[in-house]
């Protein structure tokens, strides 16, 4: 009998065709509704409490906020900006002024040296003959003539190794050097008393100073700065100083070759005519890189 009951119970539990109890379906239905409720309802809203600083700012009147802001800015200016201004600006202004004065004194000394060199120079430049002496030639033509004049005289100096210039720059052939384009122009005036037709008058003399770089064509490097100074010997046709500056007539001139570099203390001065004659032909084109 017991064996029969055990067989019935085993069959009842194992047999999948036997329907499950009703309460099981109810539990499953309840579980599904709980999951659906849990994931379908909206999330809880997070309520942030304002910080103490925000509460204080919210309760502070706008007029007090403005007053506090102005006080902070004023304190920053008084205790930070003004001391910094007092520490930085005066030394900067003093340094700039001293640098300007040093540069001005140096330029004045250099111009005085050029006036002295021109006074004793025997090198003369003559421009091309013009059909109309009252017509100003183009400035490009003037600069081209001056550049050719300088290059011819510098080439002769290297060819003859005047004052050892070719040995100093280690230039074997004059074809290895080239003159660059115009780098800068300066003018200087000097007022002197001269007797003209028995009358003492103030005469304004002007010198023109042009600078160009000298190149070594083998390496393409700058090796020196060529400074060309000239002073008109003829009475200027134009009385205006600006017109005088661009009208170059027969002029006494001097050429300075200044090597580049901080350790270079040598300067070559050419103030005598070329061995070919007192007047150098300015025809031809300047050799440039």
C-alpha atoms as a PDB file:
ATOM      1  CA  UNK A   1       0.000   0.000   0.000  1.00  0.00           C
ATOM      2  CA  UNK A   2       2.791   2.360   0.912  1.00  0.00           C
ATOM      3  CA  UNK A   3       4.564   1.530  -2.303  1.00  0.00           C
ATOM      4  CA  UNK A   4       1.435   2.357  -4.272  1.00  0.00           C
ATOM      5  CA  UNK A   5       1.038   5.759  -2.561  1.00  0.00           C
ATOM      6  CA  UNK A   6       4.704   6.641  -3.165  1.00  0.00           C
ATOM      7  CA  UNK A   7       4.285   5.831  -6.843  1.00  0.00           C
ATOM      8  CA  UNK A   8       1.197   8.000  -7.085  1.00  0.00           C
ATOM      9  CA  UNK A   9       2.925  10.953  -5.387  1.00  0.00           C
ATOM     10  CA  UNK A  10       5.982  10.627  -7.612  1.00  0.00           C
ATOM     11  CA  UNK A  11       3.822  10.540 -10.696  1.00  0.00           C
ATOM     12  CA  UNK A  12       1.895  13.525  -9.517  1.00  0.00           C
ATOM     13  CA  UNK A  13       4.998  15.651  -9.008  1.00  0.00           C
ATOM     14  CA  UNK A  14       6.951  14.487 -12.040  1.00  0.00           C
ATOM     15  CA  UNK A  15       4.162  14.394 -14.578  1.00  0.00           C
ATOM     16  CA  UNK A  16       4.150  17.777 -16.335  1.00  0.00           C
ATOM     17  CA  UNK A  17       0.658  17.310 -17.672  1.00  0.00           C
ATOM     18  CA  UNK A  18      -0.858  17.829 -14.250  1.00  0.00           C
ATOM     19  CA  UNK A  19      -1.937  21.497 -13.947  1.00  0.00           C
ATOM     20  CA  UNK A  20      -0.235  23.693 -11.332  1.00  0.00           C
ATOM     21  CA  UNK A  21      -2.167  25.052  -8.426  1.00  0.00           C
ATOM     22  CA  UNK A  22      -4.121  28.243  -8.924  1.00  0.00           C
ATOM     23  CA  UNK A  23      -2.252  30.165  -6.253  1.00  0.00           C
ATOM     24  CA  UNK A  24       0.954  29.831  -8.308  1.00  0.00           C
ATOM     25  CA  UNK A  25      -0.568  31.725 -11.192  1.00  0.00           C
ATOM     26  CA  UNK A  26      -1.677  34.387  -8.798  1.00  0.00           C
ATOM     27  CA  UNK A  27       1.849  34.803  -7.401  1.00  0.00           C
ATOM     28  CA  UNK A  28       3.280  35.048 -10.884  1.00  0.00           C
ATOM     29  CA  UNK A  29       0.746  37.675 -11.861  1.00  0.00           C
ATOM     30  CA  UNK A  30       1.492  39.688  -8.736  1.00  0.00           C
ATOM     31  CA  UNK A  31       5.228  39.518  -9.378  1.00  0.00           C
ATOM     32  CA  UNK A  32       4.823  40.779 -12.964  1.00  0.00           C
ATOM     33  CA  UNK A  33       2.688  43.709 -11.863  1.00  0.00           C
ATOM     34  CA  UNK A  34       5.233  44.611  -9.177  1.00  0.00           C
ATOM     35  CA  UNK A  35       8.092  44.666 -11.699  1.00  0.00           C
ATOM     36  CA  UNK A  36       6.026  46.705 -14.124  1.00  0.00           C
ATOM     37  CA  UNK A  37       5.158  49.181 -11.386  1.00  0.00           C
ATOM     38  CA  UNK A  38       8.732  49.464 -10.259  1.00  0.00           C
ATOM     39  CA  UNK A  39      10.133  50.328 -13.716  1.00  0.00           C
ATOM     40  CA  UNK A  40       7.246  52.289 -15.136  1.00  0.00           C
ATOM     41  CA  UNK A  41       6.747  54.947 -12.503  1.00  0.00           C
ATOM     42  CA  UNK A  42       8.699  58.240 -12.892  1.00  0.00           C
ATOM     43  CA  UNK A  43      11.962  58.644 -10.960  1.00  0.00           C
ATOM     44  CA  UNK A  44      11.977  60.542  -7.751  1.00  0.00           C
ATOM     45  CA  UNK A  45      12.888  64.198  -7.988  1.00  0.00           C
ATOM     46  CA  UNK A  46      16.073  65.262  -6.213  1.00  0.00           C
ATOM     47  CA  UNK A  47      15.627  68.299  -4.084  1.00  0.00           C
ATOM     48  CA  UNK A  48      18.850  70.244  -3.597  1.00  0.00           C
ATOM     49  CA  UNK A  49      19.085  72.458  -0.613  1.00  0.00           C
ATOM     50  CA  UNK A  50      20.669  75.853  -1.368  1.00  0.00           C
ATOM     51  CA  UNK A  51      24.064  76.406   0.160  1.00  0.00           C
ATOM     52  CA  UNK A  52      24.665  78.937   2.869  1.00  0.00           C
ATOM     53  CA  UNK A  53      26.406  81.272   0.425  1.00  0.00           C
ATOM     54  CA  UNK A  54      23.497  81.176  -2.003  1.00  0.00           C
ATOM     55  CA  UNK A  55      21.055  81.897   0.800  1.00  0.00           C
ATOM     56  CA  UNK A  56      23.154  84.851   1.944  1.00  0.00           C
ATOM     57  CA  UNK A  57      23.412  86.214  -1.611  1.00  0.00           C
ATOM     58  CA  UNK A  58      19.694  85.763  -2.136  1.00  0.00           C
ATOM     59  CA  UNK A  59      18.908  87.710   1.030  1.00  0.00           C
ATOM     60  CA  UNK A  60      21.482  90.466   0.349  1.00  0.00           C
ATOM     61  CA  UNK A  61      20.108  93.652  -1.287  1.00  0.00           C
ATOM     62  CA  UNK A  62      21.441  94.637  -4.701  1.00  0.00           C
ATOM     63  CA  UNK A  63      22.748  97.955  -3.401  1.00  0.00           C
ATOM     64  CA  UNK A  64      24.863  96.153  -0.824  1.00  0.00           C
ATOM     65  CA  UNK A  65      26.181  93.777  -3.498  1.00  0.00           C
ATOM     66  CA  UNK A  66      27.212  96.760  -5.645  1.00  0.00           C
ATOM     67  CA  UNK A  67      28.931  98.433  -2.722  1.00  0.00           C
ATOM     68  CA  UNK A  68      30.836  95.268  -1.852  1.00  0.00           C
ATOM     69  CA  UNK A  69      31.919  94.807  -5.499  1.00  0.00           C
ATOM     70  CA  UNK A  70      33.192  98.376  -5.747  1.00  0.00           C
ATOM     71  CA  UNK A  71      35.044  97.956  -2.478  1.00  0.00           C
ATOM     72  CA  UNK A  72      36.721  94.784  -3.744  1.00  0.00           C
ATOM     73  CA  UNK A  73      37.761  96.441  -7.000  1.00  0.00           C
ATOM     74  CA  UNK A  74      39.086  99.487  -5.154  1.00  0.00           C
ATOM     75  CA  UNK A  75      41.069  97.313  -2.777  1.00  0.00           C
ATOM     76  CA  UNK A  76      42.553  95.408  -5.718  1.00  0.00           C
ATOM     77  CA  UNK A  77      43.601  98.638  -7.382  1.00  0.00           C
ATOM     78  CA  UNK A  78      45.029 100.217  -4.225  1.00  0.00           C
ATOM     79  CA  UNK A  79      46.819  97.232  -2.755  1.00  0.00           C
ATOM     80  CA  UNK A  80      47.856  95.345  -5.929  1.00  0.00           C
ATOM     81  CA  UNK A  81      47.756  97.446  -9.099  1.00  0.00           C
ATOM     82  CA  UNK A  82      49.277 100.657  -7.735  1.00  0.00           C
ATOM     83  CA  UNK A  83      52.248  98.981  -6.007  1.00  0.00           C
ATOM     84  CA  UNK A  84      52.885  96.910  -9.119  1.00  0.00           C
ATOM     85  CA  UNK A  85      52.655 100.049 -11.270  1.00  0.00           C
ATOM     86  CA  UNK A  86      55.075 101.868  -8.963  1.00  0.00           C
ATOM     87  CA  UNK A  87      57.557  98.993  -9.094  1.00  0.00           C
ATOM     88  CA  UNK A  88      57.480  98.284 -12.843  1.00  0.00           C
ATOM     89  CA  UNK A  89      56.588 101.432 -14.779  1.00  0.00           C
ATOM     90  CA  UNK A  90      59.180 103.947 -13.454  1.00  0.00           C
ATOM     91  CA  UNK A  91      62.187 101.658 -14.064  1.00  0.00           C
ATOM     92  CA  UNK A  92      60.783 100.782 -17.490  1.00  0.00           C
ATOM     93  CA  UNK A  93      60.378 104.453 -18.418  1.00  0.00           C
ATOM     94  CA  UNK A  94      63.832 105.334 -17.109  1.00  0.00           C
ATOM     95  CA  UNK A  95      65.390 102.415 -18.991  1.00  0.00           C
ATOM     96  CA  UNK A  96      63.632 103.343 -22.239  1.00  0.00           C
ATOM     97  CA  UNK A  97      64.694 106.980 -21.903  1.00  0.00           C
ATOM     98  CA  UNK A  98      68.307 106.005 -21.219  1.00  0.00           C
ATOM     99  CA  UNK A  99      68.318 103.601 -24.180  1.00  0.00           C
ATOM    100  CA  UNK A 100      66.934 106.353 -26.423  1.00  0.00           C
ATOM    101  CA  UNK A 101      69.554 108.828 -25.230  1.00  0.00           C
ATOM    102  CA  UNK A 102      72.357 106.310 -25.703  1.00  0.00           C
ATOM    103  CA  UNK A 103      71.167 105.517 -29.239  1.00  0.00           C
ATOM    104  CA  UNK A 104      70.822 109.229 -30.007  1.00  0.00           C
ATOM    105  CA  UNK A 105      74.312 109.984 -28.690  1.00  0.00           C
ATOM    106  CA  UNK A 106      75.745 107.069 -30.625  1.00  0.00           C
ATOM    107  CA  UNK A 107      74.060 108.196 -33.845  1.00  0.00           C
ATOM    108  CA  UNK A 108      75.293 111.765 -33.325  1.00  0.00           C
ATOM    109  CA  UNK A 109      78.849 110.501 -32.765  1.00  0.00           C
ATOM    110  CA  UNK A 110      78.691 108.378 -35.913  1.00  0.00           C
ATOM    111  CA  UNK A 111      77.415 111.314 -37.940  1.00  0.00           C
ATOM    112  CA  UNK A 112      80.219 113.508 -36.597  1.00  0.00           C
ATOM    113  CA  UNK A 113      82.728 110.873 -37.713  1.00  0.00           C
ATOM    114  CA  UNK A 114      81.198 110.844 -41.188  1.00  0.00           C
ATOM    115  CA  UNK A 115      81.407 114.633 -41.439  1.00  0.00           C
ATOM    116  CA  UNK A 116      85.097 114.417 -40.510  1.00  0.00           C
ATOM    117  CA  UNK A 117      85.760 111.606 -42.998  1.00  0.00           C
ATOM    118  CA  UNK A 118      84.041 113.505 -45.807  1.00  0.00           C
ATOM    119  CA  UNK A 119      86.082 116.609 -45.077  1.00  0.00           C
ATOM    120  CA  UNK A 120      89.346 114.821 -45.890  1.00  0.00           C
ATOM    121  CA  UNK A 121      88.039 112.453 -48.583  1.00  0.00           C
ATOM    122  CA  UNK A 122      89.278 112.585 -52.179  1.00  0.00           C
ATOM    123  CA  UNK A 123      86.736 110.123 -53.542  1.00  0.00           C
ATOM    124  CA  UNK A 124      84.309 111.886 -55.893  1.00  0.00           C
ATOM    125  CA  UNK A 125      81.066 110.706 -57.421  1.00  0.00           C
ATOM    126  CA  UNK A 126      79.707 112.233 -60.616  1.00  0.00           C
ATOM    127  CA  UNK A 127      76.195 111.374 -61.785  1.00  0.00           C
ATOM    128  CA  UNK A 128      75.150 110.872 -65.357  1.00  0.00           C
ATOM    129  CA  UNK A 129      74.725 113.979 -67.464  1.00  0.00           C
ATOM    130  CA  UNK A 130      71.113 115.053 -67.679  1.00  0.00           C
ATOM    131  CA  UNK A 131      69.587 116.926 -70.578  1.00  0.00           C
ATOM    132  CA  UNK A 132      67.466 118.972 -68.180  1.00  0.00           C
ATOM    133  CA  UNK A 133      69.281 119.791 -64.931  1.00  0.00           C
ATOM    134  CA  UNK A 134      66.049 121.098 -63.412  1.00  0.00           C
ATOM    135  CA  UNK A 135      64.297 117.751 -63.839  1.00  0.00           C
ATOM    136  CA  UNK A 136      64.729 115.303 -61.010  1.00  0.00           C
ATOM    137  CA  UNK A 137      65.806 111.840 -62.204  1.00  0.00           C
ATOM    138  CA  UNK A 138      63.886 108.835 -60.913  1.00  0.00           C
ATOM    139  CA  UNK A 139      64.954 107.767 -57.453  1.00  0.00           C
ATOM    140  CA  UNK A 140      65.534 104.227 -58.767  1.00  0.00           C
ATOM    141  CA  UNK A 141      68.088 105.543 -61.254  1.00  0.00           C
ATOM    142  CA  UNK A 142      69.891 107.508 -58.542  1.00  0.00           C
ATOM    143  CA  UNK A 143      70.101 104.522 -56.212  1.00  0.00           C
ATOM    144  CA  UNK A 144      71.251 102.268 -59.054  1.00  0.00           C
ATOM    145  CA  UNK A 145      74.030 104.697 -60.005  1.00  0.00           C
ATOM    146  CA  UNK A 146      75.171 104.991 -56.399  1.00  0.00           C
ATOM    147  CA  UNK A 147      75.115 101.217 -55.925  1.00  0.00           C
ATOM    148  CA  UNK A 148      77.195 100.651 -59.062  1.00  0.00           C
ATOM    149  CA  UNK A 149      79.659 103.293 -57.948  1.00  0.00           C
ATOM    150  CA  UNK A 150      80.047 101.647 -54.540  1.00  0.00           C
ATOM    151  CA  UNK A 151      80.376  98.156 -56.003  1.00  0.00           C
ATOM    152  CA  UNK A 152      83.049  99.210 -58.503  1.00  0.00           C
ATOM    153  CA  UNK A 153      85.109 100.901 -55.804  1.00  0.00           C
ATOM    154  CA  UNK A 154      84.684  98.040 -53.304  1.00  0.00           C
ATOM    155  CA  UNK A 155      85.610  95.513 -55.994  1.00  0.00           C
ATOM    156  CA  UNK A 156      88.800  97.453 -56.717  1.00  0.00           C
ATOM    157  CA  UNK A 157      89.610  97.471 -53.007  1.00  0.00           C
ATOM    158  CA  UNK A 158      89.220  93.680 -52.813  1.00  0.00           C
ATOM    159  CA  UNK A 159      91.139  93.197 -56.064  1.00  0.00           C
ATOM    160  CA  UNK A 160      94.104  95.223 -54.781  1.00  0.00           C
ATOM    161  CA  UNK A 161      93.665  93.936 -51.209  1.00  0.00           C
ATOM    162  CA  UNK A 162      93.666  97.481 -49.882  1.00  0.00           C
ATOM    163  CA  UNK A 163      94.419  97.546 -46.164  1.00  0.00           C
ATOM    164  CA  UNK A 164      94.210  93.741 -46.207  1.00  0.00           C
ATOM    165  CA  UNK A 165      90.449  93.693 -46.835  1.00  0.00           C
ATOM    166  CA  UNK A 166      90.523  90.624 -49.107  1.00  0.00           C
ATOM    167  CA  UNK A 167      92.633  88.659 -46.627  1.00  0.00           C
ATOM    168  CA  UNK A 168      90.366  89.641 -43.745  1.00  0.00           C
ATOM    169  CA  UNK A 169      87.240  88.310 -45.470  1.00  0.00           C
ATOM    170  CA  UNK A 170      89.090  85.451 -47.205  1.00  0.00           C
ATOM    171  CA  UNK A 171      87.851  86.517 -50.645  1.00  0.00           C
ATOM    172  CA  UNK A 172      89.892  85.072 -53.499  1.00  0.00           C
ATOM    173  CA  UNK A 173      88.006  86.686 -56.389  1.00  0.00           C
ATOM    174  CA  UNK A 174      85.995  89.876 -56.700  1.00  0.00           C
ATOM    175  CA  UNK A 175      83.321  87.843 -58.463  1.00  0.00           C
ATOM    176  CA  UNK A 176      82.621  86.158 -55.123  1.00  0.00           C
ATOM    177  CA  UNK A 177      81.183  89.325 -53.566  1.00  0.00           C
ATOM    178  CA  UNK A 178      77.836  90.955 -54.225  1.00  0.00           C
ATOM    179  CA  UNK A 179      76.186  94.111 -52.975  1.00  0.00           C
ATOM    180  CA  UNK A 180      72.692  93.810 -51.568  1.00  0.00           C
ATOM    181  CA  UNK A 181      69.735  96.098 -51.990  1.00  0.00           C
ATOM    182  CA  UNK A 182      69.398  99.389 -50.170  1.00  0.00           C
ATOM    183  CA  UNK A 183      68.952  98.651 -46.473  1.00  0.00           C
ATOM    184  CA  UNK A 184      68.614 102.139 -44.984  1.00  0.00           C
ATOM    185  CA  UNK A 185      69.055 105.854 -45.649  1.00  0.00           C
ATOM    186  CA  UNK A 186      69.879 108.643 -43.204  1.00  0.00           C
ATOM    187  CA  UNK A 187      70.253 112.385 -43.624  1.00  0.00           C
ATOM    188  CA  UNK A 188      72.103 114.878 -41.488  1.00  0.00           C
ATOM    189  CA  UNK A 189      72.302 118.653 -41.705  1.00  0.00           C
ATOM    190  CA  UNK A 190      74.942 121.051 -40.509  1.00  0.00           C
ATOM    191  CA  UNK A 191      74.695 124.835 -40.446  1.00  0.00           C
ATOM    192  CA  UNK A 192      77.922 126.753 -40.972  1.00  0.00           C
ATOM    193  CA  UNK A 193      78.889 130.362 -41.584  1.00  0.00           C
ATOM    194  CA  UNK A 194      80.398 131.010 -45.006  1.00  0.00           C
ATOM    195  CA  UNK A 195      81.333 134.140 -46.888  1.00  0.00           C
ATOM    196  CA  UNK A 196      79.393 134.408 -50.126  1.00  0.00           C
ATOM    197  CA  UNK A 197      80.175 137.454 -52.324  1.00  0.00           C
ATOM    198  CA  UNK A 198      81.670 139.253 -49.365  1.00  0.00           C
ATOM    199  CA  UNK A 199      78.652 138.582 -47.158  1.00  0.00           C
ATOM    200  CA  UNK A 200      78.678 136.156 -44.242  1.00  0.00           C
ATOM    201  CA  UNK A 201      75.722 133.837 -44.539  1.00  0.00           C
ATOM    202  CA  UNK A 202      74.434 130.718 -42.873  1.00  0.00           C
ATOM    203  CA  UNK A 203      74.775 127.772 -45.218  1.00  0.00           C
ATOM    204  CA  UNK A 204      73.077 124.450 -44.635  1.00  0.00           C
ATOM    205  CA  UNK A 205      75.111 121.448 -45.676  1.00  0.00           C
ATOM    206  CA  UNK A 206      73.559 118.024 -45.953  1.00  0.00           C
ATOM    207  CA  UNK A 207      75.031 114.548 -46.120  1.00  0.00           C
ATOM    208  CA  UNK A 208      73.307 111.375 -47.253  1.00  0.00           C
ATOM    209  CA  UNK A 209      74.211 108.038 -45.693  1.00  0.00           C
ATOM    210  CA  UNK A 210      73.171 104.803 -47.393  1.00  0.00           C
ATOM    211  CA  UNK A 211      73.772 101.306 -46.061  1.00  0.00           C
ATOM    212  CA  UNK A 212      73.798  97.978 -47.882  1.00  0.00           C
ATOM    213  CA  UNK A 213      74.957  94.490 -46.982  1.00  0.00           C
ATOM    214  CA  UNK A 214      77.931  92.836 -48.639  1.00  0.00           C
ATOM    215  CA  UNK A 215      77.410  89.147 -49.445  1.00  0.00           C
ATOM    216  CA  UNK A 216      79.746  86.247 -50.031  1.00  0.00           C
ATOM    217  CA  UNK A 217      78.233  84.562 -53.091  1.00  0.00           C
ATOM    218  CA  UNK A 218      79.934  81.252 -52.299  1.00  0.00           C
ATOM    219  CA  UNK A 219      77.935  80.791 -49.095  1.00  0.00           C
ATOM    220  CA  UNK A 220      75.202  83.384 -49.570  1.00  0.00           C
ATOM    221  CA  UNK A 221      75.971  84.877 -46.132  1.00  0.00           C
ATOM    222  CA  UNK A 222      76.232  88.518 -45.163  1.00  0.00           C
ATOM    223  CA  UNK A 223      79.828  89.334 -44.339  1.00  0.00           C
ATOM    224  CA  UNK A 224      79.791  93.102 -43.846  1.00  0.00           C
ATOM    225  CA  UNK A 225      77.740  96.257 -43.967  1.00  0.00           C
ATOM    226  CA  UNK A 226      78.781  98.831 -46.545  1.00  0.00           C
ATOM    227  CA  UNK A 227      78.053 102.407 -45.441  1.00  0.00           C
ATOM    228  CA  UNK A 228      78.208 105.013 -48.190  1.00  0.00           C
ATOM    229  CA  UNK A 229      78.242 108.699 -47.211  1.00  0.00           C
ATOM    230  CA  UNK A 230      78.227 111.566 -49.682  1.00  0.00           C
ATOM    231  CA  UNK A 231      78.007 115.351 -49.604  1.00  0.00           C
ATOM    232  CA  UNK A 232      77.154 117.560 -52.566  1.00  0.00           C
ATOM    233  CA  UNK A 233      79.996 119.745 -53.794  1.00  0.00           C
ATOM    234  CA  UNK A 234      77.951 121.807 -56.229  1.00  0.00           C
ATOM    235  CA  UNK A 235      75.503 124.446 -55.152  1.00  0.00           C
ATOM    236  CA  UNK A 236      72.148 122.678 -54.887  1.00  0.00           C
ATOM    237  CA  UNK A 237      69.684 123.588 -57.577  1.00  0.00           C
ATOM    238  CA  UNK A 238      66.771 122.987 -55.210  1.00  0.00           C
ATOM    239  CA  UNK A 239      66.538 124.909 -51.963  1.00  0.00           C
ATOM    240  CA  UNK A 240      64.050 122.533 -50.412  1.00  0.00           C
ATOM    241  CA  UNK A 241      65.863 119.994 -48.229  1.00  0.00           C
ATOM    242  CA  UNK A 242      63.584 117.178 -49.327  1.00  0.00           C
ATOM    243  CA  UNK A 243      64.358 117.843 -52.979  1.00  0.00           C
ATOM    244  CA  UNK A 244      68.053 118.139 -52.156  1.00  0.00           C
ATOM    245  CA  UNK A 245      67.963 114.700 -50.543  1.00  0.00           C
ATOM    246  CA  UNK A 246      66.879 113.037 -53.786  1.00  0.00           C
ATOM    247  CA  UNK A 247      68.944 115.188 -56.177  1.00  0.00           C
ATOM    248  CA  UNK A 248      72.527 113.933 -56.068  1.00  0.00           C
ATOM    249  CA  UNK A 249      75.075 115.967 -57.999  1.00  0.00           C
ATOM    250  CA  UNK A 250      78.850 115.961 -57.943  1.00  0.00           C
ATOM    251  CA  UNK A 251      79.609 114.748 -54.438  1.00  0.00           C
ATOM    252  CA  UNK A 252      82.513 113.990 -52.167  1.00  0.00           C
ATOM    253  CA  UNK A 253      81.986 110.566 -50.659  1.00  0.00           C
ATOM    254  CA  UNK A 254      83.463 107.927 -48.402  1.00  0.00           C
ATOM    255  CA  UNK A 255      82.840 104.167 -48.178  1.00  0.00           C
ATOM    256  CA  UNK A 256      83.041 102.182 -44.942  1.00  0.00           C
ATOM    257  CA  UNK A 257      83.141  98.384 -44.842  1.00  0.00           C
ATOM    258  CA  UNK A 258      82.114  97.240 -41.365  1.00  0.00           C
ATOM    259  CA  UNK A 259      82.394  93.476 -40.661  1.00  0.00           C
ATOM    260  CA  UNK A 260      79.417  91.869 -38.970  1.00  0.00           C
ATOM    261  CA  UNK A 261      79.611  90.317 -35.520  1.00  0.00           C
ATOM    262  CA  UNK A 262      80.110  91.482 -31.949  1.00  0.00           C
ATOM    263  CA  UNK A 263      83.787  90.575 -31.876  1.00  0.00           C
ATOM    264  CA  UNK A 264      84.586  92.397 -35.121  1.00  0.00           C
ATOM    265  CA  UNK A 265      86.404  95.622 -34.288  1.00  0.00           C
ATOM    266  CA  UNK A 266      87.911  96.284 -37.710  1.00  0.00           C
ATOM    267  CA  UNK A 267      86.598  98.932 -40.075  1.00  0.00           C
ATOM    268  CA  UNK A 268      87.838  99.532 -43.597  1.00  0.00           C
ATOM    269  CA  UNK A 269      87.555 103.125 -44.847  1.00  0.00           C
ATOM    270  CA  UNK A 270      87.792 103.912 -48.550  1.00  0.00           C
ATOM    271  CA  UNK A 271      88.233 107.639 -49.157  1.00  0.00           C
ATOM    272  CA  UNK A 272      90.568 107.668 -52.145  1.00  0.00           C
ATOM    273  CA  UNK A 273      89.819 107.242 -55.847  1.00  0.00           C
ATOM    274  CA  UNK A 274      90.233 103.969 -57.640  1.00  0.00           C
ATOM    275  CA  UNK A 275      93.530 103.183 -59.295  1.00  0.00           C
ATOM    276  CA  UNK A 276      91.739 103.451 -62.647  1.00  0.00           C
ATOM    277  CA  UNK A 277      91.072 107.144 -62.213  1.00  0.00           C
ATOM    278  CA  UNK A 278      89.495 109.790 -60.052  1.00  0.00           C
ATOM    279  CA  UNK A 279      86.040 109.144 -61.444  1.00  0.00           C
ATOM    280  CA  UNK A 280      84.528 105.678 -61.486  1.00  0.00           C
ATOM    281  CA  UNK A 281      82.250 104.732 -64.338  1.00  0.00           C
ATOM    282  CA  UNK A 282      78.795 103.942 -62.998  1.00  0.00           C
ATOM    283  CA  UNK A 283      77.541 102.160 -66.091  1.00  0.00           C
ATOM    284  CA  UNK A 284      76.495  98.537 -65.746  1.00  0.00           C
ATOM    285  CA  UNK A 285      74.378  96.662 -63.276  1.00  0.00           C
ATOM    286  CA  UNK A 286      74.931  95.919 -59.629  1.00  0.00           C
ATOM    287  CA  UNK A 287      75.701  92.319 -58.756  1.00  0.00           C
ATOM    288  CA  UNK A 288      73.102  91.246 -56.263  1.00  0.00           C
ATOM    289  CA  UNK A 289      71.988  87.903 -54.898  1.00  0.00           C
END
